[in-house]
Protein backbone atom coordinates (compact mmCIF):
# COMPACT_ATOMS: atom_id res chain seq x y z
CA MET A 1 10.98 -51.69 47.40
CA ALA A 2 13.95 -49.36 47.01
CA LYS A 3 13.88 -49.84 43.24
CA ARG A 4 10.16 -49.08 43.09
CA LYS A 5 10.62 -45.90 45.11
CA LEU A 6 13.49 -44.86 42.87
CA LEU A 7 11.43 -45.52 39.72
CA ARG A 8 8.50 -43.61 41.21
CA LYS A 9 10.74 -40.64 41.96
CA ILE A 10 12.16 -40.73 38.45
CA LYS A 11 8.66 -40.82 36.91
CA ILE A 12 7.56 -37.89 39.08
CA ARG A 13 10.59 -35.86 38.05
CA ILE A 14 10.04 -36.71 34.39
CA LYS A 15 6.40 -35.64 34.65
CA LYS A 16 7.37 -32.37 36.33
CA PHE A 17 10.02 -31.75 33.70
CA LEU A 18 7.61 -32.46 30.84
CA ALA A 19 4.92 -30.32 32.45
CA ARG A 20 7.39 -27.49 32.91
CA LYS A 21 8.57 -27.95 29.31
CA VAL A 22 5.00 -27.94 27.96
CA TYR A 23 4.26 -24.82 29.98
CA LYS A 24 7.32 -23.11 28.52
CA LYS A 25 6.33 -24.21 25.04
CA GLN A 26 2.87 -22.74 25.46
CA THR A 27 3.98 -19.47 27.04
CA LEU A 28 5.07 -17.66 23.89
CA GLU A 29 2.21 -19.09 21.84
CA GLN A 30 -0.31 -18.00 24.46
CA ALA A 31 1.29 -14.56 24.56
CA LEU A 32 0.94 -14.28 20.79
CA TYR A 33 -2.64 -15.51 21.00
CA ARG A 34 -3.60 -13.04 23.71
CA THR A 35 -1.76 -10.17 22.07
CA PHE A 36 -3.42 -10.75 18.72
CA LEU A 37 -6.84 -11.14 20.35
CA LEU A 38 -6.34 -8.01 22.47
CA LEU A 39 -5.26 -6.07 19.42
CA CYS A 40 -8.37 -7.17 17.53
CA ALA A 41 -10.53 -6.24 20.53
CA LEU A 42 -8.96 -2.79 20.84
CA ILE A 43 -9.33 -2.07 17.12
CA THR A 44 -12.94 -3.26 17.13
CA LEU A 45 -13.74 -1.36 20.31
CA CYS A 46 -12.23 1.88 19.02
CA SER A 47 -14.00 1.52 15.67
CA LEU A 48 -17.38 0.80 17.26
CA GLY A 49 -16.87 3.55 19.86
CA ILE A 50 -16.29 6.12 17.14
CA THR A 51 -19.27 4.77 15.17
CA LEU A 52 -21.46 4.85 18.29
CA TYR A 53 -20.53 8.46 18.99
CA PHE A 54 -21.37 9.57 15.46
CA ASP A 55 -24.61 7.51 15.39
CA ILE A 56 -25.86 9.06 18.64
CA SER A 57 -24.87 12.54 17.45
CA ARG A 58 -26.64 11.94 14.16
CA GLU A 59 -29.72 10.63 16.01
CA ARG A 60 -29.86 13.79 18.14
CA LYS A 61 -29.54 15.99 15.07
CA ASN A 62 -32.30 14.03 13.30
CA THR A 63 -34.54 14.38 16.37
CA ASP A 64 -33.99 18.14 16.49
CA LYS A 65 -34.57 18.35 12.75
CA ILE A 66 -37.84 16.42 12.98
CA ILE A 67 -39.34 18.45 15.82
CA SER A 68 -38.11 21.75 14.36
CA GLY A 69 -39.40 20.92 10.88
CA THR A 70 -42.74 19.73 12.24
CA ALA A 71 -43.15 22.89 14.33
CA SER A 72 -42.33 25.03 11.29
CA TYR A 73 -44.82 23.14 9.12
CA ILE A 74 -47.65 23.41 11.64
CA ALA A 75 -46.95 27.13 12.23
CA SER A 76 -47.32 27.77 8.50
CA MET A 77 -50.63 25.88 8.10
CA PRO A 78 -53.43 28.35 7.07
CA GLU A 79 -55.93 26.48 9.24
CA VAL A 80 -53.80 27.02 12.33
CA ILE A 81 -53.36 30.73 11.55
CA GLN A 82 -57.12 31.08 10.98
CA MET A 83 -57.88 29.24 14.20
CA LEU A 84 -55.66 31.58 16.25
CA GLU A 85 -57.14 34.67 14.56
CA ASN A 86 -60.65 33.45 15.33
CA GLY A 87 -59.69 33.03 18.96
CA TYR A 88 -61.18 29.55 19.58
CA PRO A 89 -60.19 25.93 18.76
CA ASP A 90 -61.29 24.36 15.52
CA ALA A 91 -62.37 20.70 15.42
CA ASN A 92 -61.20 20.22 11.83
CA VAL A 93 -57.77 21.57 12.69
CA LYS A 94 -57.61 19.16 15.61
CA LEU A 95 -58.38 16.24 13.29
CA ASP A 96 -55.66 17.33 10.85
CA LEU A 97 -53.12 17.73 13.61
CA ASP A 98 -54.07 14.39 15.15
CA SER A 99 -53.53 12.74 11.77
CA LEU A 100 -50.18 14.52 11.38
CA SER A 101 -49.04 13.45 14.88
CA SER A 102 -50.01 9.85 14.25
CA ASN A 103 -48.09 9.80 10.95
CA ILE A 104 -44.95 11.03 12.67
CA PRO A 105 -44.36 8.44 15.43
CA ASP A 106 -41.16 10.13 16.63
CA ILE A 107 -43.18 13.08 17.99
CA ASN A 108 -44.74 12.78 21.45
CA VAL A 109 -46.37 16.20 22.03
CA VAL A 110 -47.68 18.94 19.73
CA VAL A 111 -49.23 22.09 21.29
CA ILE A 112 -50.46 25.43 19.91
CA TYR A 113 -50.82 28.58 22.03
CA ASP A 114 -51.84 32.14 21.36
CA THR A 115 -49.90 35.15 22.60
CA ASN A 116 -51.78 35.06 25.92
CA GLY A 117 -50.54 31.54 26.60
CA LEU A 118 -53.98 29.97 25.99
CA ARG A 119 -53.65 26.47 24.59
CA PHE A 120 -55.61 25.84 21.36
CA TYR A 121 -54.37 22.33 20.64
CA HIS A 122 -52.66 19.54 22.51
CA THR A 123 -52.13 15.94 21.54
CA ASP A 124 -53.84 15.20 24.85
CA ARG A 125 -57.34 16.60 24.11
CA LEU A 126 -58.18 16.95 27.76
CA LYS A 127 -55.61 19.70 28.18
CA THR A 128 -57.06 22.05 25.61
CA GLY A 129 -57.78 25.48 27.01
CA GLU A 130 -55.07 25.44 29.68
CA THR A 131 -52.42 28.11 29.74
CA PHE A 132 -48.70 27.66 29.16
CA VAL A 133 -46.75 28.91 32.13
CA ASP A 134 -43.36 27.23 31.58
CA GLY A 135 -41.47 30.39 30.63
CA ASP A 136 -39.58 28.96 27.59
CA GLU A 137 -42.10 30.66 25.29
CA THR A 138 -41.06 34.19 26.24
CA ASP A 139 -38.32 34.46 23.62
CA ILE A 140 -40.44 33.13 20.76
CA LEU A 141 -43.27 35.53 21.58
CA SER A 142 -40.75 38.36 21.67
CA GLY A 143 -39.89 37.73 18.01
CA SER A 144 -36.93 35.34 18.41
CA ALA A 145 -36.00 32.91 15.67
CA PRO A 146 -37.17 29.30 16.11
CA TYR A 147 -35.16 27.46 18.78
CA ILE A 148 -34.94 24.16 20.63
CA THR A 149 -34.73 23.73 24.40
CA THR A 150 -34.77 20.95 26.95
CA GLY A 151 -37.48 21.39 29.55
CA TYR A 152 -39.52 19.47 32.09
CA GLY A 153 -43.10 18.56 31.39
CA THR A 154 -45.82 16.35 32.78
CA PHE A 155 -44.17 13.19 31.42
CA GLY A 156 -40.67 14.19 32.41
CA THR A 157 -37.82 15.87 30.57
CA GLN A 158 -38.51 16.76 26.94
CA ARG A 159 -36.68 18.02 23.91
CA ARG A 160 -38.87 20.92 22.62
CA ALA A 161 -38.88 23.01 19.44
CA PHE A 162 -40.58 26.43 19.44
CA HIS A 163 -41.82 28.22 16.33
CA ALA A 164 -43.86 31.46 16.08
CA VAL A 165 -47.21 31.61 14.23
CA ARG A 166 -47.63 34.85 12.22
CA ASN A 167 -50.59 36.29 10.38
CA GLU A 168 -50.56 37.90 6.96
CA SER A 169 -49.30 41.15 8.55
CA ASN A 170 -46.34 39.20 9.94
CA GLU A 171 -47.57 39.75 13.45
CA ILE A 172 -47.05 37.03 16.03
CA ILE A 173 -50.43 35.64 17.00
CA GLY A 174 -49.20 32.51 18.79
CA PHE A 175 -46.59 29.75 18.78
CA VAL A 176 -46.25 26.04 18.17
CA MET A 177 -44.25 23.71 20.39
CA VAL A 178 -43.33 20.17 19.22
CA SER A 179 -41.50 17.93 21.68
CA ILE A 180 -40.26 14.41 22.19
CA PHE A 181 -39.67 12.79 25.57
CA ASN A 182 -36.07 12.30 26.63
CA SER A 183 -37.06 8.82 27.73
CA ALA A 184 -37.85 8.02 24.08
CA ILE A 185 -34.53 9.54 23.01
CA THR A 186 -32.73 7.51 25.68
CA ALA A 187 -34.52 4.37 24.51
CA ARG A 188 -33.28 4.97 20.96
CA HIS A 189 -29.75 5.60 22.22
CA LYS A 190 -29.95 2.40 24.25
CA TYR A 191 -31.07 0.51 21.18
CA ILE A 192 -28.12 1.90 19.20
CA PHE A 193 -25.76 1.01 22.05
CA LEU A 194 -27.11 -2.56 22.29
CA LEU A 195 -26.81 -2.91 18.54
CA HIS A 196 -23.18 -1.86 18.67
CA ALA A 197 -22.56 -4.19 21.63
CA PHE A 198 -24.05 -7.05 19.62
CA ILE A 199 -21.83 -6.14 16.69
CA PHE A 200 -18.84 -6.07 19.09
CA LEU A 201 -19.63 -9.58 20.27
CA ILE A 202 -19.93 -10.78 16.68
CA MET A 203 -16.61 -9.14 15.81
CA MET A 204 -14.93 -10.71 18.85
CA MET A 205 -16.14 -14.14 17.78
CA VAL A 206 -14.72 -13.46 14.33
CA SER A 207 -11.47 -12.23 15.95
CA ILE A 208 -11.19 -15.42 18.01
CA SER A 209 -11.69 -17.47 14.86
CA LEU A 210 -9.10 -15.42 13.00
CA THR A 211 -6.69 -15.74 15.93
CA HIS A 212 -7.02 -19.53 15.90
CA THR A 213 -6.47 -19.48 12.13
CA PHE A 214 -3.42 -17.24 12.52
CA ILE A 215 -1.87 -19.47 15.19
CA ALA A 216 -2.52 -22.57 13.06
CA TYR A 217 -0.95 -20.88 10.02
CA LEU A 218 2.00 -19.83 12.16
CA ARG A 219 2.51 -23.43 13.29
CA ARG A 220 2.43 -24.67 9.71
CA SER A 221 4.85 -21.94 8.62
CA LEU A 222 7.24 -22.92 11.43
CA LEU A 223 7.20 -26.58 10.31
CA GLY A 224 5.28 -27.76 13.36
CA PHE A 225 7.40 -25.87 15.89
CA ASN A 226 5.90 -23.35 18.18
CA PRO A 227 7.68 -19.94 18.23
CA GLU A 228 9.55 -20.56 21.48
CA GLU A 229 10.85 -23.94 20.27
CA LEU A 230 11.98 -22.34 17.02
CA ALA A 231 13.69 -19.48 18.88
CA ALA A 232 15.49 -21.96 21.14
CA LEU A 233 16.43 -24.08 18.12
CA TYR A 234 17.76 -21.03 16.28
CA THR A 235 19.77 -19.98 19.33
CA ARG A 236 21.27 -23.44 19.70
CA GLN A 237 22.05 -23.64 15.99
CA ALA A 238 23.67 -20.21 16.09
CA GLU A 239 25.81 -21.32 19.02
CA VAL A 240 26.80 -24.49 17.17
CA MET A 241 27.54 -22.58 13.96
CA ASN A 242 29.68 -20.04 15.78
CA SER A 243 31.59 -22.78 17.60
CA LEU A 244 32.72 -24.44 14.35
CA SER A 245 36.33 -24.00 13.30
CA GLU A 246 35.15 -23.87 9.66
CA GLY A 247 33.59 -20.74 8.28
CA LEU A 248 30.00 -20.91 6.96
CA VAL A 249 28.37 -18.32 4.71
CA ALA A 250 24.82 -18.52 3.31
CA THR A 251 23.71 -16.36 0.38
CA ASP A 252 20.61 -15.90 -1.74
CA ARG A 253 20.46 -16.33 -5.52
CA ASN A 254 21.88 -12.84 -6.04
CA GLY A 255 24.91 -13.57 -3.88
CA GLN A 256 23.74 -11.35 -1.02
CA ILE A 257 25.18 -12.63 2.26
CA LEU A 258 22.33 -13.68 4.56
CA PHE A 259 24.29 -15.42 7.31
CA ALA A 260 27.91 -15.80 8.32
CA ASN A 261 29.18 -17.49 11.46
CA ARG A 262 31.85 -16.01 13.67
CA THR A 263 34.70 -17.91 11.98
CA ALA A 264 33.66 -16.77 8.49
CA LYS A 265 33.55 -13.16 9.65
CA GLN A 266 37.08 -13.52 11.02
CA PHE A 267 38.29 -14.97 7.72
CA LEU A 268 36.59 -12.50 5.36
CA SER A 269 36.37 -9.27 7.35
CA THR A 270 39.14 -6.73 7.72
CA GLU A 271 39.72 -3.90 10.17
CA ASN A 272 38.15 -1.37 7.79
CA HIS A 273 35.58 -3.55 6.09
CA SER A 274 32.89 -5.88 7.42
CA ILE A 275 31.01 -8.48 5.38
CA SER A 276 27.64 -7.34 6.76
CA GLY A 277 25.46 -6.18 3.88
CA CYS A 278 28.01 -7.30 1.26
CA THR A 279 27.67 -9.70 -1.63
CA LEU A 280 29.78 -12.84 -1.87
CA SER A 281 31.71 -11.50 -4.87
CA ASP A 282 32.83 -8.51 -2.78
CA VAL A 283 34.75 -10.72 -0.35
CA TYR A 284 35.38 -13.72 -2.62
CA PRO A 285 35.75 -12.60 -6.27
CA GLN A 286 36.50 -16.17 -7.46
CA THR A 287 33.04 -17.42 -6.46
CA GLN A 288 31.38 -19.99 -8.74
CA LEU A 289 27.84 -18.76 -7.90
CA LEU A 290 26.70 -18.31 -11.51
CA ARG A 291 28.00 -21.73 -12.56
CA ILE A 292 26.34 -23.39 -9.56
CA LEU A 293 23.00 -21.69 -10.32
CA ALA A 294 23.22 -22.84 -13.93
CA SER A 295 24.32 -26.44 -13.27
CA GLY A 296 22.89 -27.06 -9.80
CA GLU A 297 26.10 -28.90 -8.83
CA SER A 298 28.55 -28.16 -6.06
CA SER A 299 31.83 -26.46 -6.83
CA PRO A 300 35.00 -28.51 -6.17
CA PRO A 301 37.16 -27.23 -3.28
CA ARG A 302 39.55 -24.47 -4.25
CA THR A 303 42.59 -23.08 -2.43
CA VAL A 304 42.39 -19.29 -2.23
CA GLU A 305 44.41 -16.71 -0.35
CA ILE A 306 42.21 -14.11 1.38
CA ASN A 307 43.44 -11.53 3.90
CA GLY A 308 46.74 -13.34 4.31
CA ARG A 309 45.10 -16.73 4.97
CA THR A 310 45.15 -19.81 2.78
CA LEU A 311 41.55 -21.04 2.69
CA LEU A 312 40.07 -24.20 1.20
CA ILE A 313 36.67 -23.03 -0.10
CA SER A 314 33.75 -25.23 -1.18
CA GLU A 315 30.41 -23.96 -2.52
CA VAL A 316 27.24 -26.04 -2.21
CA PRO A 317 23.80 -25.13 -3.66
CA ILE A 318 20.78 -24.72 -1.38
CA HIS A 319 17.80 -26.45 -3.00
CA GLY A 320 14.20 -25.41 -2.36
CA GLN A 321 11.47 -27.66 -0.99
CA SER A 322 10.62 -28.90 -4.49
CA GLY A 323 14.25 -29.93 -4.98
CA HIS A 324 14.46 -28.24 -8.39
CA SER A 325 14.90 -24.53 -7.69
CA ILE A 326 18.10 -23.24 -6.09
CA ARG A 327 17.53 -20.64 -3.38
CA GLY A 328 21.20 -19.79 -2.83
CA ILE A 329 24.49 -21.38 -1.86
CA ILE A 330 26.41 -22.39 1.25
CA VAL A 331 30.11 -21.50 1.28
CA ILE A 332 32.37 -23.60 3.53
CA LEU A 333 35.75 -22.11 4.40
CA ALA A 334 38.49 -24.23 5.99
CA ASP A 335 41.66 -22.52 7.17
CA ARG A 336 44.72 -24.37 5.85
CA THR A 337 47.26 -21.71 6.81
CA GLU A 338 48.70 -23.45 9.86
CA MET A 339 48.46 -26.88 8.25
CA LEU A 340 50.32 -25.66 5.18
CA GLN A 341 52.93 -23.99 7.34
CA LEU A 342 53.52 -27.24 9.17
CA SER A 343 53.53 -29.11 5.87
CA ASP A 344 55.99 -26.61 4.43
CA GLU A 345 58.26 -26.99 7.43
CA LEU A 346 58.09 -30.77 7.18
CA SER A 347 58.63 -30.80 3.41
CA GLY A 348 61.40 -28.23 3.84
CA ALA A 349 63.14 -30.47 6.36
CA HIS A 350 62.85 -33.47 4.03
CA ASN A 351 63.94 -31.37 1.10
CA MET A 352 66.90 -30.02 3.01
CA LEU A 353 67.89 -33.53 4.05
CA ASP A 354 67.71 -34.74 0.43
CA THR A 355 69.68 -31.69 -0.64
CA LEU A 356 72.37 -32.27 1.96
CA ARG A 357 72.63 -35.88 0.90
CA ALA A 358 73.04 -34.83 -2.72
CA PHE A 359 75.46 -32.10 -1.69
CA ASN A 360 77.45 -34.60 0.37
CA HIS A 361 77.56 -36.95 -2.61
CA GLU A 362 78.72 -34.18 -4.90
CA PHE A 363 81.26 -33.05 -2.31
CA LEU A 364 82.76 -36.55 -2.16
CA ASN A 365 82.94 -36.63 -5.93
CA LYS A 366 84.77 -33.30 -5.90
CA LEU A 367 87.22 -34.60 -3.31
CA HIS A 368 87.95 -37.56 -5.58
CA ILE A 369 88.56 -35.19 -8.49
CA ILE A 370 90.92 -33.05 -6.42
CA LEU A 371 92.70 -36.19 -5.18
CA GLY A 372 93.10 -37.37 -8.77
CA TYR A 373 94.63 -34.05 -9.83
CA LEU A 374 97.07 -34.21 -6.93
CA HIS A 375 98.12 -37.80 -7.68
CA THR A 376 98.81 -36.93 -11.31
CA GLY A 377 100.78 -33.84 -10.33
CA GLU A 378 98.30 -31.37 -11.91
CA ILE A 379 98.37 -29.01 -8.98
CA GLN A 380 97.20 -25.94 -10.91
CA LYS A 381 94.12 -27.77 -12.12
CA ALA A 382 93.40 -28.80 -8.55
CA ILE A 383 93.74 -25.18 -7.44
CA ASP A 384 91.42 -23.96 -10.22
CA PHE A 385 88.89 -26.67 -9.41
CA ILE A 386 88.88 -25.74 -5.71
CA THR A 387 88.55 -22.06 -6.59
CA ASN A 388 85.55 -22.70 -8.86
CA SER A 389 83.95 -25.04 -6.33
CA SER A 390 83.87 -22.20 -3.83
CA LEU A 391 81.28 -20.54 -6.08
CA VAL A 392 78.72 -22.98 -4.64
CA THR A 393 78.49 -22.32 -0.91
CA SER A 394 76.44 -24.14 1.65
CA GLN A 395 74.46 -20.92 2.09
CA SER A 396 73.42 -20.82 -1.57
CA VAL A 397 72.51 -24.50 -1.46
CA ARG A 398 70.41 -23.93 1.68
CA GLU A 399 68.66 -20.94 0.13
CA ALA A 400 67.88 -22.90 -3.01
CA ALA A 401 66.46 -25.77 -0.95
CA ASN A 402 64.39 -23.35 1.09
CA CYS A 403 62.86 -21.72 -2.00
CA ILE A 404 62.34 -24.84 -4.12
CA ARG A 405 60.28 -27.39 -2.13
CA VAL A 406 59.97 -29.91 -4.99
CA SER A 407 62.74 -32.45 -4.38
CA ARG A 408 63.43 -33.39 -8.00
CA LEU A 409 63.54 -29.76 -9.13
CA CYS A 410 65.73 -28.79 -6.19
CA ALA A 411 68.17 -31.62 -6.95
CA LEU A 412 68.28 -30.55 -10.59
CA VAL A 413 69.00 -26.93 -9.71
CA ILE A 414 71.75 -27.83 -7.21
CA GLY A 415 73.29 -30.20 -9.75
CA LYS A 416 73.29 -27.39 -12.31
CA MET A 417 74.87 -25.07 -9.73
CA MET A 418 77.67 -27.62 -9.20
CA HIS A 419 78.13 -28.04 -12.92
CA ALA A 420 78.24 -24.29 -13.49
CA ALA A 421 80.74 -23.84 -10.64
CA GLU A 422 83.08 -26.34 -12.30
CA LEU A 423 83.18 -24.00 -15.31
CA GLY A 424 83.73 -20.88 -13.22
CA ILE A 425 80.08 -19.74 -13.45
CA GLN A 426 78.16 -18.58 -10.40
CA MET A 427 74.54 -19.74 -10.44
CA THR A 428 72.07 -18.49 -7.83
CA VAL A 429 68.38 -18.81 -7.10
CA ALA A 430 66.44 -15.56 -6.50
CA PRO A 431 65.79 -15.30 -2.73
CA ASP A 432 62.13 -14.36 -3.30
CA SER A 433 61.49 -17.49 -5.34
CA SER A 434 58.74 -19.84 -4.17
CA CYS A 435 57.98 -23.28 -5.57
CA PHE A 436 55.69 -25.76 -3.80
CA GLU A 437 54.41 -28.92 -5.41
CA ARG A 438 50.78 -28.05 -4.60
CA ASP A 439 51.07 -24.87 -6.68
CA LEU A 440 52.53 -26.45 -9.82
CA LEU A 441 50.32 -26.10 -12.89
CA LEU A 442 52.36 -28.52 -15.04
CA PRO A 443 53.80 -32.00 -14.43
CA VAL A 444 57.12 -32.03 -12.55
CA ASP A 445 58.88 -33.66 -15.52
CA THR A 446 57.85 -30.71 -17.69
CA TYR A 447 59.41 -28.27 -15.23
CA ILE A 448 62.59 -30.38 -15.24
CA THR A 449 62.71 -30.12 -19.03
CA ILE A 450 62.14 -26.35 -19.01
CA ILE A 451 64.63 -25.50 -16.24
CA GLY A 452 67.20 -28.00 -17.46
CA ASN A 453 67.20 -26.53 -21.00
CA LEU A 454 67.21 -22.89 -19.86
CA VAL A 455 70.08 -23.35 -17.39
CA GLU A 456 72.10 -25.60 -19.70
CA ASN A 457 71.81 -23.07 -22.55
CA ALA A 458 73.00 -20.34 -20.21
CA ILE A 459 75.93 -22.46 -18.95
CA GLU A 460 77.02 -23.27 -22.51
CA GLU A 461 76.79 -19.62 -23.52
CA LEU A 462 78.84 -18.41 -20.54
CA ALA A 463 81.38 -21.21 -20.94
CA GLU A 464 82.18 -20.08 -24.50
CA CYS A 465 82.31 -16.34 -23.92
CA GLN A 466 85.31 -14.49 -22.55
CA LYS A 467 83.84 -12.29 -19.81
CA ASP A 468 85.00 -11.53 -16.32
CA THR A 469 81.57 -11.82 -14.78
CA LYS A 470 79.75 -15.07 -15.45
CA GLU A 471 76.49 -15.33 -13.57
CA ILE A 472 73.20 -17.15 -13.95
CA ARG A 473 70.14 -16.18 -11.93
CA LEU A 474 67.12 -18.53 -11.79
CA SER A 475 63.75 -17.29 -10.45
CA LEU A 476 60.70 -19.49 -9.82
CA TYR A 477 57.38 -17.91 -8.80
CA CYS A 478 54.67 -20.54 -8.40
CA ARG A 479 51.21 -19.47 -7.22
CA PRO A 480 47.94 -21.41 -7.42
CA ASP A 481 46.82 -19.33 -10.41
CA VAL A 482 50.10 -18.53 -12.18
CA ASN A 483 53.60 -20.03 -12.56
CA ILE A 484 56.52 -17.91 -13.79
CA ILE A 485 60.03 -19.21 -14.65
CA ILE A 486 62.82 -16.68 -15.30
CA CYS A 487 66.40 -17.49 -16.30
CA GLU A 488 68.92 -14.65 -16.69
CA ASP A 489 72.58 -14.80 -17.75
CA THR A 490 75.38 -12.31 -18.33
CA GLY A 491 76.43 -13.77 -21.66
CA ARG A 492 76.87 -12.20 -25.08
CA GLY A 493 73.17 -11.94 -25.82
CA ILE A 494 71.40 -13.09 -28.98
CA ARG A 495 72.24 -11.53 -32.31
CA PRO A 496 69.30 -9.62 -33.87
CA GLU A 497 69.38 -11.72 -37.06
CA LEU A 498 68.89 -14.90 -35.02
CA LEU A 499 66.29 -13.55 -32.61
CA GLU A 500 63.34 -13.93 -34.99
CA HIS A 501 64.27 -17.58 -35.73
CA ILE A 502 65.61 -18.59 -32.33
CA PHE A 503 62.72 -21.00 -31.60
CA GLU A 504 63.03 -22.81 -34.90
CA LYS A 505 64.51 -26.27 -34.78
CA GLY A 506 68.20 -26.32 -35.66
CA VAL A 507 68.71 -22.58 -35.19
CA SER A 508 71.36 -21.76 -32.60
CA SER A 509 74.16 -19.29 -31.93
CA LYS A 510 76.41 -22.16 -30.87
CA GLY A 511 76.91 -23.73 -34.26
CA LYS A 512 75.51 -26.58 -36.33
CA ASN A 513 73.61 -29.59 -35.00
CA ARG A 514 72.29 -27.46 -32.13
CA GLY A 515 69.06 -25.50 -31.51
CA THR A 516 66.86 -28.21 -30.00
CA GLY A 517 66.37 -26.82 -26.47
CA LEU A 518 64.52 -23.61 -27.33
CA PHE A 519 62.45 -25.42 -29.93
CA LEU A 520 61.36 -27.83 -27.20
CA LEU A 521 60.51 -24.93 -24.85
CA GLN A 522 58.39 -23.29 -27.55
CA ARG A 523 56.46 -26.53 -28.06
CA ILE A 524 55.84 -26.92 -24.31
CA ALA A 525 54.59 -23.33 -24.12
CA GLY A 526 52.23 -24.03 -27.01
CA ASP A 527 50.93 -27.32 -25.53
CA TYR A 528 50.06 -25.67 -22.20
CA HIS A 529 48.91 -22.29 -23.62
CA GLY A 530 51.84 -20.57 -21.94
CA ASP A 531 53.81 -17.54 -22.97
CA ILE A 532 57.57 -17.32 -23.57
CA THR A 533 59.41 -14.04 -23.98
CA ILE A 534 63.07 -13.09 -24.53
CA ASP A 535 64.75 -9.90 -23.41
CA THR A 536 68.32 -9.61 -24.73
CA GLU A 537 70.97 -7.00 -25.41
CA PRO A 538 74.34 -7.50 -27.15
CA ASP A 539 77.18 -8.05 -24.67
CA GLU A 540 74.78 -7.61 -21.75
CA GLY A 541 73.07 -10.99 -21.55
CA SER A 542 69.66 -12.60 -22.05
CA CYS A 543 66.55 -13.17 -19.99
CA PHE A 544 64.03 -15.93 -20.78
CA THR A 545 60.58 -15.74 -19.13
CA LEU A 546 57.92 -18.48 -19.30
CA THR A 547 54.43 -17.80 -17.88
CA PHE A 548 51.62 -20.33 -17.37
CA THR A 549 48.19 -19.42 -15.92
CA ARG A 550 45.53 -21.75 -14.56
CA LYS A 551 42.77 -20.18 -16.68
CA GLU A 552 44.67 -20.75 -19.92
CA ILE A 553 45.68 -24.29 -19.03
CA SER A 554 42.15 -25.32 -18.01
């Protein structure tokens, strides 16, 4: 029993929830339905109201025109003038006027009076001979222009037109009054009003049909969702998009930014510049939009530095419903700054450990050399060796390991520093150097060949020259799009006659059977579309610079 009651309660709650949900779903749709229908009703009502006003005004003007024109026509009839001059009614005139009245159904009363107010004709024959005592005829008998008044007659209120009858001497001998009952005018106005009301009902039926069609089209346009569902779905999606740690940017085919979540705005916006209203190329110049539109394929992830952040950016096409046309692209931005910092710290620790191990190994070797000199009694050589070894300090080794995060390259450089120190040459790494394995554009072995040849050439040059200052400075600048290697020495420089042939095989300033290292560097630069330059001055030294760019290599 307890389970049944619990199930019954659950069913009731589910029904209430669904009913409440259905009511909420229908609320916005009903509001749209009623608003559209009310708008149609107001437009139709205003249009028909204006039309009704002008139709009634036009009907009144036509009525006045008919009675005024009829009165003018009758007043100008020779038979009427003759009848008034004779001073008694004429049967033939009555027949003509009866025919005229019957042919103009809009006219209810036609009367003719002389100046004494004696009636000579009336559409009601029984009233012939009576006098007109209304008082509206005073002005027309006094010579006034034709006019129209509203007066009260036997059959109620009338709209009456007065016109004077003049003889050949232009003397007023009587007047004509043509009238129409206000009840007839009201009946016509009622007919016009009912006609407009009928039209209003027809238009409302059409409006209801159009409203149903509009709502159905709206549902189809919203993929089966009603507006409130779609609004709630959009709100939820916006909340989800803004809660993502990855940045999302949607653009159209022209690269115009249509949507960007909160994370993307943080990545791409600056204090003085917002991405709102911008194109993708404004905030991300390396975009592959054109290539994606042409190929229809996604762009591989790329590491780009924007606003001081290292971002992994992927671009994905947005296909239309047909699946063939591309409507725009989605750009996904993942922040790798913190991850790379942690990776750099970890790789730096490993690199430092490897460096210390190598340094410790070299230090033990040096101790053995010093011990050998002491055992053989060559104390001066031991002193010179210790003095030269001091050229490589732990600080310089630590700085080199901190700048060069590729273990094999770092070990090579430290080994060259030790070798140079043995010959009384101080070799240092530029403190602003930066070399991470992820940024290398060439294989590590190729860098070993380049650096090994450059440094060894410099060591050999300084070992042969007699100068007080013997220094080698190595600089490595590795970025995702460009790698630069610079090696400077304070040697004798390259003679001008050798400079033009320095990269040829077998050409060297050190004598015969030499000249292989620079030839090898020239070949590497050619294989990878790099650039190698030499800056040298006699007795000042030389500077070799190798530059490789991602665009040229690809």
